[in-house]
Amino acid sequence: MHAAEPTIFAIKRYAIHDGPNIRTTVFFKGCPLSCWWCHNPEGISPAIELITLDEGCVGCGYCADQCPQQALTLSRTGPTRDRSRCNICGNCIEICPALVHEATGWTTSAESVLAEIQKDQPFYDQSGGGVTFSGGEPLMQPTFLLDLLRECGKLDIHRAVDTSGYAKTEILLEVARHTDIFLFDLKMMDSDRHRLYTGVGNELIHANITALAKAGYKIRVRLPLIPGINDDEENIIRTGSFMAGLPDVTEIDILPYHRSATSKYKKLSLIYPGTSFPVISEEKIQRAGTILEQIGLTVRRGG
């Protein structure tokens, strides 16, 4: 796969937690962060990979016999892939009768994705919804993202960008010119802790949200609430106080941690640090909301 090819890993229709009203969410592949609690691990790597599920193989051997690169061999436990030979041609996906081979994404074009978005345009018109570009991190593919934003703008489709904010400021501000609302993650205020749990510090993220706010762009903050990581009162107060210092940034969504991504990590043969996190209590969630409301923010609870 050429690095310049637009790459996504999902298109989700009728989404209700990715911005205002009913939306279509396009998930871009690749992310500069590696959050311990990430619920879209298939979106972290920018590269497309083929994976094989341990269960379900019927032992027919079609995939191994017909692999053009001879990258697959069949054993008693199922197919084994030699990644040094595999060129991600997808032949095994097409011919497997048991559907045990999967790709973690696909290359596409702005025209193809726009055609999918337009299929749902009647729902946007009725509900006041639109399209959300998420990931991964959509700002990692700025040319592709800008092409889609501009075309959606011509069609009068409401546009949201769901971002970690970790990107060059000039790219973010150019994207902002074609975006109706940002869903902007603020994970934690202490930069050292941020680096520990996401792989990057938060100075650029804070500088970028400040630049967006000062330029007058619409922002809704999203706070993933992770037990034992960022749900302490000090972090909640600092998050609210930081937002209170930004012009016209008053909306925040609390996103309580859940373990729904566990099966994805297993499928990808990845270690999931999130399995060690306790289930967050309802009391903690409500306390965070109360603190943020007392600071003067409008709080919503997301999915």
C-alpha atoms as a PDB file:
ATOM      1  CA  MET A   1       0.000   0.000   0.000  1.00  0.00           C
ATOM      2  CA  HIS A   2       1.346   3.419  -0.985  1.00  0.00           C
ATOM      3  CA  ALA A   3       1.460   5.798   1.963  1.00  0.00           C
ATOM      4  CA  ALA A   4      -0.429   8.496   0.038  1.00  0.00           C
ATOM      5  CA  GLU A   5      -3.489   6.319  -0.645  1.00  0.00           C
ATOM      6  CA  PRO A   6      -6.534   7.305   1.437  1.00  0.00           C
ATOM      7  CA  THR A   7      -7.222   4.551   3.950  1.00  0.00           C
ATOM      8  CA  ILE A   8     -10.216   3.941   6.191  1.00  0.00           C
ATOM      9  CA  PHE A   9     -11.360   1.038   8.354  1.00  0.00           C
ATOM     10  CA  ALA A  10     -15.106   1.553   8.745  1.00  0.00           C
ATOM     11  CA  ILE A  11     -18.148   3.570   7.730  1.00  0.00           C
ATOM     12  CA  LYS A  12     -20.839   3.564  10.395  1.00  0.00           C
ATOM     13  CA  ARG A  13     -24.359   4.632   9.532  1.00  0.00           C
ATOM     14  CA  TYR A  14     -27.057   5.981  11.867  1.00  0.00           C
ATOM     15  CA  ALA A  15     -24.481   6.983  14.510  1.00  0.00           C
ATOM     16  CA  ILE A  16     -25.959   8.957  17.403  1.00  0.00           C
ATOM     17  CA  HIS A  17     -22.884   9.464  19.613  1.00  0.00           C
ATOM     18  CA  ASP A  18     -20.551  11.089  17.067  1.00  0.00           C
ATOM     19  CA  GLY A  19     -21.951  14.598  16.938  1.00  0.00           C
ATOM     20  CA  PRO A  20     -25.357  16.263  16.633  1.00  0.00           C
ATOM     21  CA  ASN A  21     -28.321  14.061  15.639  1.00  0.00           C
ATOM     22  CA  ILE A  22     -28.168  11.137  13.168  1.00  0.00           C
ATOM     23  CA  ARG A  23     -24.809  10.875  11.416  1.00  0.00           C
ATOM     24  CA  THR A  24     -22.605   8.811   9.165  1.00  0.00           C
ATOM     25  CA  THR A  25     -19.168   8.306  10.701  1.00  0.00           C
ATOM     26  CA  VAL A  26     -16.131   7.652   8.513  1.00  0.00           C
ATOM     27  CA  PHE A  27     -13.211   6.121  10.399  1.00  0.00           C
ATOM     28  CA  PHE A  28      -9.761   7.070   9.078  1.00  0.00           C
ATOM     29  CA  LYS A  29      -6.875   4.665   9.608  1.00  0.00           C
ATOM     30  CA  GLY A  30      -3.775   5.687  11.544  1.00  0.00           C
ATOM     31  CA  CYS A  31      -3.319   7.532  14.827  1.00  0.00           C
ATOM     32  CA  PRO A  32      -0.293   9.271  16.414  1.00  0.00           C
ATOM     33  CA  LEU A  33      -1.508   8.247  19.895  1.00  0.00           C
ATOM     34  CA  SER A  34      -1.614   4.801  21.478  1.00  0.00           C
ATOM     35  CA  CYS A  35      -4.123   5.237  24.291  1.00  0.00           C
ATOM     36  CA  TRP A  36      -4.290   2.343  26.740  1.00  0.00           C
ATOM     37  CA  TRP A  37      -8.108   2.366  26.555  1.00  0.00           C
ATOM     38  CA  CYS A  38      -8.476   2.811  22.774  1.00  0.00           C
ATOM     39  CA  HIS A  39     -11.740   1.235  21.589  1.00  0.00           C
ATOM     40  CA  ASN A  40     -10.706   1.271  17.916  1.00  0.00           C
ATOM     41  CA  PRO A  41      -7.346  -0.577  17.928  1.00  0.00           C
ATOM     42  CA  GLU A  42      -7.748  -1.445  14.244  1.00  0.00           C
ATOM     43  CA  GLY A  43      -7.392   2.282  13.570  1.00  0.00           C
ATOM     44  CA  ILE A  44      -4.057   2.838  15.324  1.00  0.00           C
ATOM     45  CA  SER A  45      -1.716   1.575  12.598  1.00  0.00           C
ATOM     46  CA  PRO A  46      -1.864   3.407   9.248  1.00  0.00           C
ATOM     47  CA  ALA A  47      -1.028   0.129   7.496  1.00  0.00           C
ATOM     48  CA  ILE A  48      -3.610  -2.361   6.316  1.00  0.00           C
ATOM     49  CA  GLU A  49      -3.048  -5.838   7.681  1.00  0.00           C
ATOM     50  CA  LEU A  50      -4.716  -9.171   7.026  1.00  0.00           C
ATOM     51  CA  ILE A  51      -5.692 -11.160  10.101  1.00  0.00           C
ATOM     52  CA  THR A  52      -6.829 -14.758  10.474  1.00  0.00           C
ATOM     53  CA  LEU A  53      -9.223 -15.880  13.177  1.00  0.00           C
ATOM     54  CA  ASP A  54      -8.227 -18.983  15.136  1.00  0.00           C
ATOM     55  CA  GLU A  55     -11.778 -20.253  15.307  1.00  0.00           C
ATOM     56  CA  GLY A  56     -13.946 -21.116  12.355  1.00  0.00           C
ATOM     57  CA  CYS A  57     -11.412 -22.651   9.942  1.00  0.00           C
ATOM     58  CA  VAL A  58     -12.876 -25.767   8.252  1.00  0.00           C
ATOM     59  CA  GLY A  59      -9.483 -27.030   7.109  1.00  0.00           C
ATOM     60  CA  CYS A  60     -10.260 -26.900   3.374  1.00  0.00           C
ATOM     61  CA  GLY A  61      -6.846 -25.444   2.509  1.00  0.00           C
ATOM     62  CA  TYR A  62      -8.196 -23.251  -0.316  1.00  0.00           C
ATOM     63  CA  CYS A  63      -6.443 -20.149   0.998  1.00  0.00           C
ATOM     64  CA  ALA A  64      -3.043 -21.844   1.227  1.00  0.00           C
ATOM     65  CA  ASP A  65      -3.346 -23.635  -2.124  1.00  0.00           C
ATOM     66  CA  GLN A  66      -4.404 -20.489  -3.984  1.00  0.00           C
ATOM     67  CA  CYS A  67      -2.284 -17.820  -2.291  1.00  0.00           C
ATOM     68  CA  PRO A  68      -0.334 -16.094  -5.113  1.00  0.00           C
ATOM     69  CA  GLN A  69       2.565 -15.334  -2.753  1.00  0.00           C
ATOM     70  CA  GLN A  70       2.538 -18.736  -0.993  1.00  0.00           C
ATOM     71  CA  ALA A  71       2.261 -16.812   2.264  1.00  0.00           C
ATOM     72  CA  LEU A  72      -0.210 -19.210   3.915  1.00  0.00           C
ATOM     73  CA  THR A  73       0.333 -22.697   5.262  1.00  0.00           C
ATOM     74  CA  LEU A  74      -2.260 -24.946   6.838  1.00  0.00           C
ATOM     75  CA  SER A  75      -1.743 -26.690  10.158  1.00  0.00           C
ATOM     76  CA  ARG A  76      -4.046 -28.515  12.548  1.00  0.00           C
ATOM     77  CA  THR A  77      -4.889 -25.211  14.239  1.00  0.00           C
ATOM     78  CA  GLY A  78      -5.660 -23.390  10.998  1.00  0.00           C
ATOM     79  CA  PRO A  79      -3.830 -21.149   8.506  1.00  0.00           C
ATOM     80  CA  THR A  80      -0.550 -19.466   9.424  1.00  0.00           C
ATOM     81  CA  ARG A  81       0.505 -16.319   7.561  1.00  0.00           C
ATOM     82  CA  ASP A  82       4.114 -15.491   6.609  1.00  0.00           C
ATOM     83  CA  ARG A  83       3.943 -11.694   6.721  1.00  0.00           C
ATOM     84  CA  SER A  84       7.268 -11.361   4.902  1.00  0.00           C
ATOM     85  CA  ARG A  85       5.603 -12.925   1.859  1.00  0.00           C
ATOM     86  CA  CYS A  86       2.077 -11.518   2.190  1.00  0.00           C
ATOM     87  CA  ASN A  87       1.419  -8.450   0.027  1.00  0.00           C
ATOM     88  CA  ILE A  88      -2.139  -7.835   1.295  1.00  0.00           C
ATOM     89  CA  CYS A  89      -3.720  -8.838  -2.021  1.00  0.00           C
ATOM     90  CA  GLY A  90      -6.905 -10.008  -0.266  1.00  0.00           C
ATOM     91  CA  ASN A  91      -7.265 -13.221  -2.265  1.00  0.00           C
ATOM     92  CA  CYS A  92      -7.683 -15.272   0.924  1.00  0.00           C
ATOM     93  CA  ILE A  93     -10.585 -13.066   2.041  1.00  0.00           C
ATOM     94  CA  GLU A  94     -12.406 -13.561  -1.243  1.00  0.00           C
ATOM     95  CA  ILE A  95     -12.067 -17.354  -1.462  1.00  0.00           C
ATOM     96  CA  CYS A  96     -12.391 -18.486   2.173  1.00  0.00           C
ATOM     97  CA  PRO A  97     -15.760 -20.255   2.619  1.00  0.00           C
ATOM     98  CA  ALA A  98     -15.553 -19.900   6.423  1.00  0.00           C
ATOM     99  CA  LEU A  99     -14.713 -16.150   6.381  1.00  0.00           C
ATOM    100  CA  VAL A 100     -11.769 -16.531   8.760  1.00  0.00           C
ATOM    101  CA  HIS A 101      -9.590 -13.974   6.958  1.00  0.00           C
ATOM    102  CA  GLU A 102     -10.208 -10.238   7.439  1.00  0.00           C
ATOM    103  CA  ALA A 103      -8.537  -6.958   6.510  1.00  0.00           C
ATOM    104  CA  THR A 104      -8.080  -4.155   9.052  1.00  0.00           C
ATOM    105  CA  GLY A 105      -9.079  -1.498   6.509  1.00  0.00           C
ATOM    106  CA  TRP A 106      -9.097  -0.624   2.844  1.00  0.00           C
ATOM    107  CA  THR A 107      -7.783   2.005   0.457  1.00  0.00           C
ATOM    108  CA  THR A 108     -10.379   4.220  -1.134  1.00  0.00           C
ATOM    109  CA  SER A 109     -10.942   7.636  -2.701  1.00  0.00           C
ATOM    110  CA  ALA A 110     -12.797  10.792  -1.770  1.00  0.00           C
ATOM    111  CA  GLU A 111     -15.274  10.079  -4.575  1.00  0.00           C
ATOM    112  CA  SER A 112     -16.088   6.602  -3.231  1.00  0.00           C
ATOM    113  CA  VAL A 113     -16.531   7.766   0.350  1.00  0.00           C
ATOM    114  CA  LEU A 114     -18.606  10.760  -0.742  1.00  0.00           C
ATOM    115  CA  ALA A 115     -20.925   8.412  -2.630  1.00  0.00           C
ATOM    116  CA  GLU A 116     -21.495   6.449   0.591  1.00  0.00           C
ATOM    117  CA  ILE A 117     -22.121   9.635   2.570  1.00  0.00           C
ATOM    118  CA  GLN A 118     -24.673  10.862   0.044  1.00  0.00           C
ATOM    119  CA  LYS A 119     -26.750   7.684   0.444  1.00  0.00           C
ATOM    120  CA  ASP A 120     -27.690   8.920   3.913  1.00  0.00           C
ATOM    121  CA  GLN A 121     -28.358  12.541   2.987  1.00  0.00           C
ATOM    122  CA  PRO A 122     -32.165  12.209   3.469  1.00  0.00           C
ATOM    123  CA  PHE A 123     -31.538  11.259   7.113  1.00  0.00           C
ATOM    124  CA  TYR A 124     -29.334  14.322   7.622  1.00  0.00           C
ATOM    125  CA  ASP A 125     -31.990  16.557   6.116  1.00  0.00           C
ATOM    126  CA  GLN A 126     -34.700  15.126   8.387  1.00  0.00           C
ATOM    127  CA  SER A 127     -32.705  15.006  11.643  1.00  0.00           C
ATOM    128  CA  GLY A 128     -30.285  17.902  11.292  1.00  0.00           C
ATOM    129  CA  GLY A 129     -27.397  15.414  11.332  1.00  0.00           C
ATOM    130  CA  GLY A 130     -24.476  15.033   8.987  1.00  0.00           C
ATOM    131  CA  VAL A 131     -21.129  13.338   8.580  1.00  0.00           C
ATOM    132  CA  THR A 132     -18.389  12.851  11.186  1.00  0.00           C
ATOM    133  CA  PHE A 133     -14.788  12.116  10.268  1.00  0.00           C
ATOM    134  CA  SER A 134     -13.184  10.080  13.030  1.00  0.00           C
ATOM    135  CA  GLY A 135     -10.518   7.430  13.433  1.00  0.00           C
ATOM    136  CA  GLY A 136      -7.828   6.742  14.219  1.00  0.00           C
ATOM    137  CA  GLU A 137      -6.966  10.372  13.633  1.00  0.00           C
ATOM    138  CA  PRO A 138      -8.406  12.025  10.500  1.00  0.00           C
ATOM    139  CA  LEU A 139      -5.808  14.809  10.642  1.00  0.00           C
ATOM    140  CA  MET A 140      -3.136  12.231   9.731  1.00  0.00           C
ATOM    141  CA  GLN A 141      -4.621  12.207   6.197  1.00  0.00           C
ATOM    142  CA  PRO A 142      -5.196  15.949   5.694  1.00  0.00           C
ATOM    143  CA  THR A 143      -5.488  16.008   1.883  1.00  0.00           C
ATOM    144  CA  PHE A 144      -8.100  13.246   1.893  1.00  0.00           C
ATOM    145  CA  LEU A 145      -9.940  14.870   4.788  1.00  0.00           C
ATOM    146  CA  LEU A 146      -9.977  18.304   3.152  1.00  0.00           C
ATOM    147  CA  ASP A 147     -11.262  16.874  -0.125  1.00  0.00           C
ATOM    148  CA  LEU A 148     -14.189  15.272   1.697  1.00  0.00           C
ATOM    149  CA  LEU A 149     -14.917  18.342   3.827  1.00  0.00           C
ATOM    150  CA  ARG A 150     -15.000  20.628   0.794  1.00  0.00           C
ATOM    151  CA  GLU A 151     -17.286  18.311  -1.202  1.00  0.00           C
ATOM    152  CA  CYS A 152     -19.650  17.847   1.754  1.00  0.00           C
ATOM    153  CA  GLY A 153     -19.727  21.624   2.135  1.00  0.00           C
ATOM    154  CA  LYS A 154     -20.851  21.991  -1.488  1.00  0.00           C
ATOM    155  CA  LEU A 155     -23.718  19.586  -0.713  1.00  0.00           C
ATOM    156  CA  ASP A 156     -24.637  21.486   2.465  1.00  0.00           C
ATOM    157  CA  ILE A 157     -23.920  18.426   4.647  1.00  0.00           C
ATOM    158  CA  HIS A 158     -23.060  19.252   8.263  1.00  0.00           C
ATOM    159  CA  ARG A 159     -19.423  18.303   8.966  1.00  0.00           C
ATOM    160  CA  ALA A 160     -17.834  17.220  12.249  1.00  0.00           C
ATOM    161  CA  VAL A 161     -14.207  16.242  12.848  1.00  0.00           C
ATOM    162  CA  ASP A 162     -13.474  13.992  15.820  1.00  0.00           C
ATOM    163  CA  THR A 163      -9.831  14.564  16.754  1.00  0.00           C
ATOM    164  CA  SER A 164      -7.185  14.110  19.418  1.00  0.00           C
ATOM    165  CA  GLY A 165      -5.856  17.523  18.388  1.00  0.00           C
ATOM    166  CA  TYR A 166      -2.351  16.142  17.927  1.00  0.00           C
ATOM    167  CA  ALA A 167      -1.389  17.599  14.544  1.00  0.00           C
ATOM    168  CA  LYS A 168       0.392  20.584  13.055  1.00  0.00           C
ATOM    169  CA  THR A 169      -1.503  23.738  13.934  1.00  0.00           C
ATOM    170  CA  GLU A 170      -1.500  24.995  10.339  1.00  0.00           C
ATOM    171  CA  ILE A 171      -3.164  21.752   9.182  1.00  0.00           C
ATOM    172  CA  LEU A 172      -5.782  21.977  11.924  1.00  0.00           C
ATOM    173  CA  LEU A 173      -6.646  25.584  11.101  1.00  0.00           C
ATOM    174  CA  GLU A 174      -6.972  24.822   7.387  1.00  0.00           C
ATOM    175  CA  VAL A 175      -9.303  21.898   8.219  1.00  0.00           C
ATOM    176  CA  ALA A 176     -11.247  24.227  10.536  1.00  0.00           C
ATOM    177  CA  ARG A 177     -12.177  26.482   7.600  1.00  0.00           C
ATOM    178  CA  HIS A 178     -14.268  23.609   6.234  1.00  0.00           C
ATOM    179  CA  THR A 179     -15.594  22.118   9.496  1.00  0.00           C
ATOM    180  CA  ASP A 180     -18.851  22.932  11.289  1.00  0.00           C
ATOM    181  CA  ILE A 181     -17.912  21.444  14.668  1.00  0.00           C
ATOM    182  CA  PHE A 182     -14.908  19.773  16.266  1.00  0.00           C
ATOM    183  CA  LEU A 183     -15.317  16.899  18.708  1.00  0.00           C
ATOM    184  CA  PHE A 184     -12.069  17.469  20.556  1.00  0.00           C
ATOM    185  CA  ASP A 185     -10.620  14.976  23.052  1.00  0.00           C
ATOM    186  CA  LEU A 186      -9.116  16.271  26.275  1.00  0.00           C
ATOM    187  CA  LYS A 187      -7.851  13.134  27.985  1.00  0.00           C
ATOM    188  CA  MET A 188      -5.888  14.491  30.940  1.00  0.00           C
ATOM    189  CA  MET A 189      -4.214  17.720  31.987  1.00  0.00           C
ATOM    190  CA  ASP A 190      -0.877  16.500  33.353  1.00  0.00           C
ATOM    191  CA  SER A 191       1.473  16.126  30.378  1.00  0.00           C
ATOM    192  CA  ASP A 192       3.674  13.445  31.932  1.00  0.00           C
ATOM    193  CA  ARG A 193       0.649  11.276  32.678  1.00  0.00           C
ATOM    194  CA  HIS A 194      -0.692  12.006  29.214  1.00  0.00           C
ATOM    195  CA  ARG A 195       2.581  10.804  27.685  1.00  0.00           C
ATOM    196  CA  LEU A 196       2.561   7.660  29.827  1.00  0.00           C
ATOM    197  CA  TYR A 197      -0.947   6.592  28.843  1.00  0.00           C
ATOM    198  CA  THR A 198      -1.138   7.861  25.235  1.00  0.00           C
ATOM    199  CA  GLY A 199       2.473   7.971  24.044  1.00  0.00           C
ATOM    200  CA  VAL A 200       2.585  11.763  23.520  1.00  0.00           C
ATOM    201  CA  GLY A 201       2.563  14.877  25.683  1.00  0.00           C
ATOM    202  CA  ASN A 202      -0.389  17.267  25.629  1.00  0.00           C
ATOM    203  CA  GLU A 203       1.269  20.647  25.002  1.00  0.00           C
ATOM    204  CA  LEU A 204       0.486  20.659  21.258  1.00  0.00           C
ATOM    205  CA  ILE A 205      -3.058  19.444  21.928  1.00  0.00           C
ATOM    206  CA  HIS A 206      -3.727  22.277  24.383  1.00  0.00           C
ATOM    207  CA  ALA A 207      -2.131  24.830  22.053  1.00  0.00           C
ATOM    208  CA  ASN A 208      -4.302  23.635  19.188  1.00  0.00           C
ATOM    209  CA  ILE A 209      -7.616  23.741  21.016  1.00  0.00           C
ATOM    210  CA  THR A 210      -6.697  27.220  22.244  1.00  0.00           C
ATOM    211  CA  ALA A 211      -5.945  28.321  18.666  1.00  0.00           C
ATOM    212  CA  LEU A 212      -9.285  26.927  17.444  1.00  0.00           C
ATOM    213  CA  ALA A 213     -11.233  28.598  20.233  1.00  0.00           C
ATOM    214  CA  LYS A 214      -9.567  31.981  19.761  1.00  0.00           C
ATOM    215  CA  ALA A 215     -10.319  31.798  16.043  1.00  0.00           C
ATOM    216  CA  GLY A 216     -14.008  31.290  16.853  1.00  0.00           C
ATOM    217  CA  TYR A 217     -14.499  27.714  15.648  1.00  0.00           C
ATOM    218  CA  LYS A 218     -17.201  25.584  17.295  1.00  0.00           C
ATOM    219  CA  ILE A 219     -15.831  22.937  19.660  1.00  0.00           C
ATOM    220  CA  ARG A 220     -17.412  20.274  21.801  1.00  0.00           C
ATOM    221  CA  VAL A 221     -14.914  18.688  24.203  1.00  0.00           C
ATOM    222  CA  ARG A 222     -14.979  14.949  24.829  1.00  0.00           C
ATOM    223  CA  LEU A 223     -13.597  13.534  28.080  1.00  0.00           C
ATOM    224  CA  PRO A 224     -13.045   9.774  28.095  1.00  0.00           C
ATOM    225  CA  LEU A 225     -13.408   8.931  31.789  1.00  0.00           C
ATOM    226  CA  ILE A 226     -10.971   6.130  32.624  1.00  0.00           C
ATOM    227  CA  PRO A 227     -10.977   4.665  36.163  1.00  0.00           C
ATOM    228  CA  GLY A 228      -7.666   5.128  37.936  1.00  0.00           C
ATOM    229  CA  ILE A 229      -6.231   7.123  35.032  1.00  0.00           C
ATOM    230  CA  ASN A 230      -8.024  10.455  34.723  1.00  0.00           C
ATOM    231  CA  ASP A 231     -11.178  10.224  36.880  1.00  0.00           C
ATOM    232  CA  ASP A 232      -9.627  11.892  39.936  1.00  0.00           C
ATOM    233  CA  GLU A 233     -11.134  15.184  41.066  1.00  0.00           C
ATOM    234  CA  GLU A 234      -7.903  17.096  40.470  1.00  0.00           C
ATOM    235  CA  ASN A 235      -7.916  16.207  36.772  1.00  0.00           C
ATOM    236  CA  ILE A 236     -11.636  16.909  36.420  1.00  0.00           C
ATOM    237  CA  ILE A 237     -11.257  20.347  38.032  1.00  0.00           C
ATOM    238  CA  ARG A 238      -8.204  21.183  35.917  1.00  0.00           C
ATOM    239  CA  THR A 239     -10.016  20.099  32.752  1.00  0.00           C
ATOM    240  CA  GLY A 240     -13.021  22.282  33.582  1.00  0.00           C
ATOM    241  CA  SER A 241     -10.853  25.237  34.541  1.00  0.00           C
ATOM    242  CA  PHE A 242      -8.865  24.951  31.317  1.00  0.00           C
ATOM    243  CA  MET A 243     -12.087  24.935  29.301  1.00  0.00           C
ATOM    244  CA  ALA A 244     -13.437  27.900  31.248  1.00  0.00           C
ATOM    245  CA  GLY A 245     -10.427  29.881  30.029  1.00  0.00           C
ATOM    246  CA  LEU A 246     -11.263  29.213  26.383  1.00  0.00           C
ATOM    247  CA  PRO A 247     -13.659  31.590  24.598  1.00  0.00           C
ATOM    248  CA  ASP A 248     -17.077  30.028  23.903  1.00  0.00           C
ATOM    249  CA  VAL A 249     -16.062  26.415  24.677  1.00  0.00           C
ATOM    250  CA  THR A 250     -18.783  25.342  27.105  1.00  0.00           C
ATOM    251  CA  GLU A 251     -19.939  21.867  25.979  1.00  0.00           C
ATOM    252  CA  ILE A 252     -18.337  18.657  27.238  1.00  0.00           C
ATOM    253  CA  ASP A 253     -19.283  15.023  26.710  1.00  0.00           C
ATOM    254  CA  ILE A 254     -18.298  12.528  29.401  1.00  0.00           C
ATOM    255  CA  LEU A 255     -17.508   9.155  27.834  1.00  0.00           C
ATOM    256  CA  PRO A 256     -17.344   6.485  30.578  1.00  0.00           C
ATOM    257  CA  TYR A 257     -14.850   3.689  29.944  1.00  0.00           C
ATOM    258  CA  HIS A 258     -16.177   0.265  28.954  1.00  0.00           C
ATOM    259  CA  ARG A 259     -14.520  -2.981  27.879  1.00  0.00           C
ATOM    260  CA  SER A 260     -16.423  -3.499  24.643  1.00  0.00           C
ATOM    261  CA  ALA A 261     -13.196  -3.462  22.586  1.00  0.00           C
ATOM    262  CA  THR A 262     -11.726  -6.556  24.278  1.00  0.00           C
ATOM    263  CA  SER A 263     -12.697  -8.863  21.408  1.00  0.00           C
ATOM    264  CA  LYS A 264     -11.068  -6.519  18.872  1.00  0.00           C
ATOM    265  CA  TYR A 265      -7.701  -6.745  20.628  1.00  0.00           C
ATOM    266  CA  LYS A 266      -7.974 -10.534  20.765  1.00  0.00           C
ATOM    267  CA  LYS A 267      -8.749 -10.683  17.052  1.00  0.00           C
ATOM    268  CA  LEU A 268      -5.724  -8.464  16.285  1.00  0.00           C
ATOM    269  CA  SER A 269      -3.456 -10.440  18.678  1.00  0.00           C
ATOM    270  CA  LEU A 270      -2.780  -7.238  20.626  1.00  0.00           C
ATOM    271  CA  ILE A 271      -2.354  -6.815  24.372  1.00  0.00           C
ATOM    272  CA  TYR A 272      -5.183  -4.697  25.799  1.00  0.00           C
ATOM    273  CA  PRO A 273      -4.092  -2.730  28.895  1.00  0.00           C
ATOM    274  CA  GLY A 274      -7.716  -1.729  29.421  1.00  0.00           C
ATOM    275  CA  THR A 275      -8.622  -5.175  30.738  1.00  0.00           C
ATOM    276  CA  SER A 276      -6.869  -4.241  33.978  1.00  0.00           C
ATOM    277  CA  PHE A 277      -9.079  -1.184  34.545  1.00  0.00           C
ATOM    278  CA  PRO A 278     -11.996  -1.575  36.959  1.00  0.00           C
ATOM    279  CA  VAL A 279     -15.498  -0.740  35.816  1.00  0.00           C
ATOM    280  CA  ILE A 280     -16.075   2.933  36.531  1.00  0.00           C
ATOM    281  CA  SER A 281     -18.727   3.570  39.147  1.00  0.00           C
ATOM    282  CA  GLU A 282     -21.880   5.545  38.532  1.00  0.00           C
ATOM    283  CA  GLU A 283     -20.930   7.689  41.514  1.00  0.00           C
ATOM    284  CA  LYS A 284     -17.636   8.691  39.838  1.00  0.00           C
ATOM    285  CA  ILE A 285     -19.416   9.562  36.601  1.00  0.00           C
ATOM    286  CA  GLN A 286     -22.015  11.694  38.357  1.00  0.00           C
ATOM    287  CA  ARG A 287     -19.372  13.386  40.518  1.00  0.00           C
ATOM    288  CA  ALA A 288     -17.351  14.360  37.427  1.00  0.00           C
ATOM    289  CA  GLY A 289     -20.474  15.792  35.828  1.00  0.00           C
ATOM    290  CA  THR A 290     -21.346  17.785  38.949  1.00  0.00           C
ATOM    291  CA  ILE A 291     -17.856  19.294  39.172  1.00  0.00           C
ATOM    292  CA  LEU A 292     -17.897  20.348  35.529  1.00  0.00           C
ATOM    293  CA  GLU A 293     -21.398  21.822  35.812  1.00  0.00           C
ATOM    294  CA  GLN A 294     -20.335  23.824  38.873  1.00  0.00           C
ATOM    295  CA  ILE A 295     -17.547  25.317  36.759  1.00  0.00           C
ATOM    296  CA  GLY A 296     -20.258  26.463  34.333  1.00  0.00           C
ATOM    297  CA  LEU A 297     -20.052  23.847  31.570  1.00  0.00           C
ATOM    298  CA  THR A 298     -22.885  22.096  29.764  1.00  0.00           C
ATOM    299  CA  VAL A 299     -22.343  18.375  30.410  1.00  0.00           C
ATOM    300  CA  ARG A 300     -23.664  15.475  28.362  1.00  0.00           C
ATOM    301  CA  ARG A 301     -23.088  11.793  28.909  1.00  0.00           C
ATOM    302  CA  GLY A 302     -22.000   9.954  25.796  1.00  0.00           C
ATOM    303  CA  GLY A 303     -21.957   6.279  24.842  1.00  0.00           C
END
